[in-house]
Amino acid sequence: MKTSEQIIGEILDLASMHFNVNRAELSPDDDFFKKLGIDSLQALSLLTRLENHFSVELPDYEVQGVSDFRTLAERIESRL
């Protein structure tokens, strides 16, 4: 089973690659909308990529209002 820190690290790595942002600039408590400069459609694209990576399904009600990487990691971890 993956630790919370491993999950956060993988999320940050994927977000960095997906949006071509330097990984060192991202931290778990960042608001990903602001930090990545993305809109809701791009966030949905990231969520789909994360669901595929972790082999989980994140219902809309669980991610609605989530905007930081740490909370996103918690939601994913609860589904593993």
Protein backbone atom coordinates (compact mmCIF):
# COMPACT_ATOMS: atom_id res chain seq x y z
CA MET A 1 0.00 0.00 0.00
CA LYS A 2 1.24 3.45 -0.88
CA THR A 3 1.86 6.06 1.79
CA SER A 4 0.23 9.49 1.69
CA GLU A 5 3.57 11.04 0.79
CA GLN A 6 4.04 8.64 -2.12
CA ILE A 7 0.57 9.46 -3.44
CA ILE A 8 1.19 13.21 -3.15
CA GLY A 9 4.55 12.79 -4.89
CA GLU A 10 2.99 10.88 -7.76
CA ILE A 11 0.22 13.48 -8.12
CA LEU A 12 2.75 16.31 -8.22
CA ASP A 13 4.89 14.40 -10.74
CA LEU A 14 1.90 13.77 -13.01
CA ALA A 15 0.65 17.36 -12.74
CA SER A 16 4.14 18.62 -13.53
CA MET A 17 4.39 16.46 -16.65
CA HIS A 18 0.78 17.03 -17.76
CA PHE A 19 1.04 20.83 -17.61
CA ASN A 20 4.77 21.17 -18.31
CA VAL A 21 5.55 22.84 -14.98
CA ASN A 22 8.80 22.43 -13.06
CA ARG A 23 8.14 19.80 -10.37
CA ALA A 24 10.21 21.76 -7.83
CA GLU A 25 7.68 24.61 -8.06
CA LEU A 26 4.80 22.45 -6.83
CA SER A 27 3.98 21.68 -3.21
CA PRO A 28 1.18 19.63 -1.61
CA ASP A 29 -0.74 22.64 -0.28
CA ASP A 30 -0.76 24.57 -3.56
CA ASP A 31 -4.07 25.52 -5.11
CA PHE A 32 -3.65 23.68 -8.40
CA PHE A 33 -5.92 26.06 -10.30
CA LYS A 34 -3.72 29.01 -9.37
CA LYS A 35 -0.35 27.27 -9.40
CA LEU A 36 -0.87 25.54 -12.74
CA GLY A 37 -2.94 28.36 -14.24
CA ILE A 38 -5.68 25.95 -15.29
CA ASP A 39 -9.44 26.10 -15.68
CA SER A 40 -12.05 23.51 -14.67
CA LEU A 41 -11.85 21.66 -17.99
CA GLN A 42 -8.08 21.26 -17.62
CA ALA A 43 -8.56 20.15 -14.00
CA LEU A 44 -10.97 17.49 -15.25
CA SER A 45 -8.29 16.31 -17.67
CA LEU A 46 -5.84 16.02 -14.77
CA LEU A 47 -8.40 14.14 -12.66
CA THR A 48 -8.97 11.66 -15.48
CA ARG A 49 -5.24 11.09 -15.77
CA LEU A 50 -4.97 10.57 -12.01
CA GLU A 51 -7.90 8.14 -11.98
CA ASN A 52 -6.20 6.11 -14.70
CA HIS A 53 -2.82 6.23 -12.96
CA PHE A 54 -4.15 5.10 -9.59
CA SER A 55 -6.90 2.83 -11.02
CA VAL A 56 -9.61 4.54 -8.99
CA GLU A 57 -12.85 6.32 -9.74
CA LEU A 58 -13.41 9.67 -8.07
CA PRO A 59 -17.10 10.60 -7.95
CA ASP A 60 -17.86 14.24 -8.68
CA TYR A 61 -19.22 14.81 -5.18
CA GLU A 62 -15.87 13.77 -3.67
CA VAL A 63 -13.76 16.18 -5.69
CA GLN A 64 -16.16 19.09 -5.96
CA GLY A 65 -14.55 22.08 -4.28
CA VAL A 66 -11.14 20.40 -3.99
CA SER A 67 -8.41 22.71 -5.21
CA ASP A 68 -5.21 21.63 -3.46
CA PHE A 69 -3.00 18.65 -4.14
CA ARG A 70 -3.02 17.36 -0.54
CA THR A 71 -6.82 17.08 -0.34
CA LEU A 72 -6.87 15.48 -3.77
CA ALA A 73 -4.34 12.93 -2.53
CA GLU A 74 -6.53 12.19 0.52
CA ARG A 75 -9.53 11.53 -1.75
CA ILE A 76 -7.47 9.20 -3.92
CA GLU A 77 -5.99 7.41 -0.90
CA SER A 78 -9.48 6.73 0.47
CA ARG A 79 -10.29 4.89 -2.78
CA LEU A 80 -7.17 2.68 -2.87
